Protein backbone atom coordinates (compact mmCIF):
# COMPACT_ATOMS: atom_id res chain seq x y z
CA MET A 1 -125.98 -224.52 46.81
CA GLU A 2 -124.76 -221.77 49.12
CA VAL A 3 -127.18 -220.29 51.65
CA LYS A 4 -126.53 -216.63 52.44
CA ALA A 5 -127.40 -215.01 55.75
CA MET A 6 -130.34 -212.63 55.61
CA GLU A 7 -129.65 -208.91 55.85
CA HIS A 8 -130.63 -207.09 59.00
CA LEU A 9 -134.13 -205.66 58.66
CA ALA A 10 -134.39 -202.00 59.72
CA PRO A 11 -137.17 -201.03 62.16
CA ALA A 12 -140.64 -200.66 60.64
CA LYS A 13 -141.57 -197.13 59.53
CA PHE A 14 -145.29 -197.57 60.24
CA ARG A 15 -147.42 -198.96 63.08
CA ILE A 16 -150.82 -200.54 63.56
CA LYS A 17 -153.62 -197.92 63.33
CA ASP A 18 -151.48 -195.50 61.26
CA HIS A 19 -153.43 -193.88 58.41
CA VAL A 20 -151.33 -194.13 55.26
CA GLN A 21 -151.40 -193.42 51.56
CA PHE A 22 -150.08 -196.24 49.39
CA LYS A 23 -150.00 -197.40 45.79
CA ILE A 24 -151.34 -200.58 44.24
CA ALA A 25 -150.63 -200.78 40.50
CA ASP A 26 -151.65 -197.30 39.24
CA ASP A 27 -154.09 -196.58 42.11
CA LEU A 28 -153.35 -194.32 45.09
CA LEU A 29 -155.33 -195.47 48.12
CA THR A 30 -155.72 -194.33 51.72
CA GLY A 31 -156.22 -196.78 54.54
CA VAL A 32 -155.45 -197.88 58.09
CA ILE A 33 -152.74 -200.39 58.92
CA GLU A 34 -154.26 -203.47 60.56
CA LEU A 35 -151.27 -205.82 60.74
CA THR A 36 -147.52 -205.65 60.28
CA ASP A 37 -145.31 -208.45 59.01
CA PHE A 38 -142.29 -208.90 56.82
CA ALA A 39 -142.03 -209.98 53.21
CA HIS A 40 -139.37 -211.50 51.03
CA PHE A 41 -139.17 -210.32 47.41
CA SER A 42 -136.50 -212.29 45.50
CA SER A 43 -133.33 -211.34 47.39
CA LYS A 44 -134.85 -208.36 49.23
CA ARG A 45 -136.57 -208.43 52.62
CA CYS A 46 -138.84 -205.64 53.82
CA HIS A 47 -141.67 -204.92 56.19
CA SER A 48 -145.15 -205.48 54.80
CA TYR A 49 -148.56 -204.45 56.03
CA SER A 50 -152.24 -205.33 55.82
CA ILE A 51 -154.12 -202.10 55.13
CA PHE A 52 -157.89 -201.68 55.38
CA VAL A 53 -159.40 -199.28 52.81
CA GLU A 54 -162.86 -198.23 53.98
CA GLU A 55 -164.05 -196.88 50.61
CA ARG A 56 -163.41 -200.29 49.02
CA GLY A 57 -164.58 -202.29 52.05
CA CYS A 58 -161.57 -204.57 51.99
CA SER A 59 -158.01 -205.09 53.18
CA PHE A 60 -154.94 -205.17 50.99
CA LEU A 61 -152.53 -207.81 52.28
CA HIS A 62 -148.73 -207.91 52.17
CA VAL A 63 -148.29 -204.32 50.96
CA PRO A 64 -144.51 -203.80 50.94
CA GLU A 65 -143.21 -200.84 52.91
CA PHE A 66 -141.70 -199.32 49.77
CA ASP A 67 -145.23 -198.97 48.30
CA ILE A 68 -146.42 -196.84 51.23
CA LEU A 69 -145.96 -193.22 50.22
CA LYS A 70 -146.65 -191.44 53.50
CA LYS A 71 -148.31 -191.45 56.89
CA ILE A 72 -151.35 -189.18 57.09
CA GLU A 73 -151.55 -187.21 60.31
């Protein structure tokens, strides 16, 4: 079995305390980034985030960067 080197991971687009809009399934939610990390989806690596959504009273963990639609100013 051949082990391939991981691709370089670009800098994160978002930071802790950023307010962001993101999607989970068919829901659009707004929350605050609490933690940043990285995730590995099959052969793709990306940044992931824990996002607290006040209206739901909970955090969504390991949200991949590609599911975050925008930063809210």
